[in-house]
Amino acid sequence: MAASRTPRRRSGEMPLPTIPFDPAGALLDKTAGRPPRHRKEKP
């Protein structure tokens, strides 16, 4: 019965894009004074 109520993705729909984000890692980088991981360090 529960399977009949499960929302199904339509065949033409694209899945939602995922955005990689690590809130704990970003806070740790900021606290430790490190540059954010998404930015490359300048030589």
N, C-alpha and C. Protein backbone atom coordinates (compact mmCIF):
# COMPACT_ATOMS: atom_id res chain seq x y z
N MET A 1 0.81 -1.20 0.00
CA MET A 1 0.00 0.00 0.00
C MET A 1 0.86 1.27 0.00
N ALA A 2 1.95 1.27 0.76
CA ALA A 2 2.79 2.47 0.83
C ALA A 2 3.45 2.76 -0.51
N ALA A 3 3.75 1.74 -1.29
CA ALA A 3 4.40 1.95 -2.58
C ALA A 3 3.49 2.72 -3.53
N SER A 4 2.19 2.60 -3.35
CA SER A 4 1.28 3.32 -4.23
C SER A 4 1.28 4.82 -3.94
N ARG A 5 1.75 5.21 -2.78
CA ARG A 5 1.77 6.63 -2.40
C ARG A 5 3.15 7.26 -2.58
N THR A 6 4.12 6.49 -3.02
CA THR A 6 5.47 7.00 -3.22
C THR A 6 5.50 7.88 -4.46
N PRO A 7 5.98 9.13 -4.32
CA PRO A 7 6.04 9.99 -5.50
C PRO A 7 7.06 9.44 -6.49
N ARG A 8 6.71 9.42 -7.74
CA ARG A 8 7.57 8.91 -8.80
C ARG A 8 8.07 10.07 -9.66
N ARG A 9 9.31 9.91 -10.12
CA ARG A 9 9.88 10.91 -11.03
C ARG A 9 9.38 10.60 -12.43
N ARG A 10 8.92 11.60 -13.11
CA ARG A 10 8.45 11.39 -14.48
C ARG A 10 9.65 11.13 -15.38
N SER A 11 9.44 10.39 -16.42
CA SER A 11 10.55 9.98 -17.29
C SER A 11 11.24 11.17 -17.95
N GLY A 12 10.55 12.26 -18.19
CA GLY A 12 11.14 13.42 -18.86
C GLY A 12 11.81 14.40 -17.91
N GLU A 13 11.61 14.23 -16.62
CA GLU A 13 12.17 15.18 -15.66
C GLU A 13 13.64 14.89 -15.39
N MET A 14 14.42 15.94 -15.29
CA MET A 14 15.83 15.81 -14.94
C MET A 14 15.95 15.89 -13.42
N PRO A 15 16.88 15.15 -12.83
CA PRO A 15 17.06 15.25 -11.39
C PRO A 15 17.60 16.62 -11.01
N LEU A 16 17.31 17.05 -9.81
CA LEU A 16 17.79 18.35 -9.35
C LEU A 16 19.31 18.33 -9.23
N PRO A 17 19.97 19.42 -9.62
CA PRO A 17 21.43 19.45 -9.49
C PRO A 17 21.83 19.51 -8.02
N THR A 18 22.90 18.84 -7.69
CA THR A 18 23.38 18.86 -6.32
C THR A 18 24.54 19.83 -6.22
N ILE A 19 24.60 20.53 -5.13
CA ILE A 19 25.66 21.49 -4.89
C ILE A 19 26.48 20.96 -3.73
N PRO A 20 27.75 20.63 -3.98
CA PRO A 20 28.57 20.11 -2.89
C PRO A 20 28.87 21.24 -1.89
N PHE A 21 28.48 21.07 -0.66
CA PHE A 21 28.74 22.07 0.36
C PHE A 21 28.90 21.37 1.69
N ASP A 22 29.96 21.72 2.37
CA ASP A 22 30.27 21.14 3.66
C ASP A 22 30.28 22.28 4.68
N PRO A 23 29.15 22.57 5.34
CA PRO A 23 29.09 23.69 6.28
C PRO A 23 30.13 23.59 7.40
N ALA A 24 30.33 22.40 7.93
CA ALA A 24 31.30 22.24 9.01
C ALA A 24 32.71 22.51 8.50
N GLY A 25 33.02 22.05 7.31
CA GLY A 25 34.34 22.29 6.73
C GLY A 25 34.57 23.75 6.44
N ALA A 26 33.55 24.46 5.96
CA ALA A 26 33.67 25.89 5.68
C ALA A 26 33.90 26.67 6.98
N LEU A 27 33.20 26.31 8.04
CA LEU A 27 33.39 26.97 9.32
C LEU A 27 34.78 26.69 9.88
N LEU A 28 35.24 25.46 9.73
CA LEU A 28 36.58 25.10 10.19
C LEU A 28 37.64 25.87 9.42
N ASP A 29 37.49 25.97 8.10
CA ASP A 29 38.43 26.75 7.29
C ASP A 29 38.48 28.20 7.75
N LYS A 30 37.32 28.78 8.00
CA LYS A 30 37.26 30.18 8.43
C LYS A 30 37.90 30.36 9.80
N THR A 31 37.62 29.46 10.72
CA THR A 31 38.15 29.55 12.08
C THR A 31 39.66 29.35 12.09
N ALA A 32 40.15 28.42 11.26
CA ALA A 32 41.59 28.12 11.23
C ALA A 32 42.36 29.13 10.39
N GLY A 33 41.67 30.01 9.68
CA GLY A 33 42.34 31.01 8.87
C GLY A 33 42.82 30.47 7.54
N ARG A 34 42.29 29.32 7.14
CA ARG A 34 42.67 28.74 5.86
C ARG A 34 41.82 29.32 4.76
N PRO A 35 42.35 29.36 3.54
CA PRO A 35 41.50 29.81 2.43
C PRO A 35 40.43 28.77 2.16
N PRO A 36 39.28 29.18 1.69
CA PRO A 36 38.21 28.22 1.38
C PRO A 36 38.69 27.20 0.35
N ARG A 37 38.17 26.01 0.43
CA ARG A 37 38.62 24.92 -0.44
C ARG A 37 38.25 25.17 -1.90
N HIS A 38 37.20 25.94 -2.15
CA HIS A 38 36.80 26.16 -3.53
C HIS A 38 37.67 27.21 -4.21
N ARG A 39 38.47 27.93 -3.45
CA ARG A 39 39.38 28.91 -4.02
C ARG A 39 40.79 28.34 -4.05
N LYS A 40 41.46 28.56 -5.15
CA LYS A 40 42.82 28.07 -5.28
C LYS A 40 43.76 29.14 -4.70
N GLU A 41 44.79 28.67 -4.00
CA GLU A 41 45.75 29.61 -3.43
C GLU A 41 46.58 30.25 -4.53
N LYS A 42 46.88 31.53 -4.35
CA LYS A 42 47.72 32.24 -5.33
C LYS A 42 49.18 32.03 -4.95
N PRO A 43 50.04 31.71 -5.94
CA PRO A 43 51.46 31.50 -5.61
C PRO A 43 52.18 32.77 -5.25
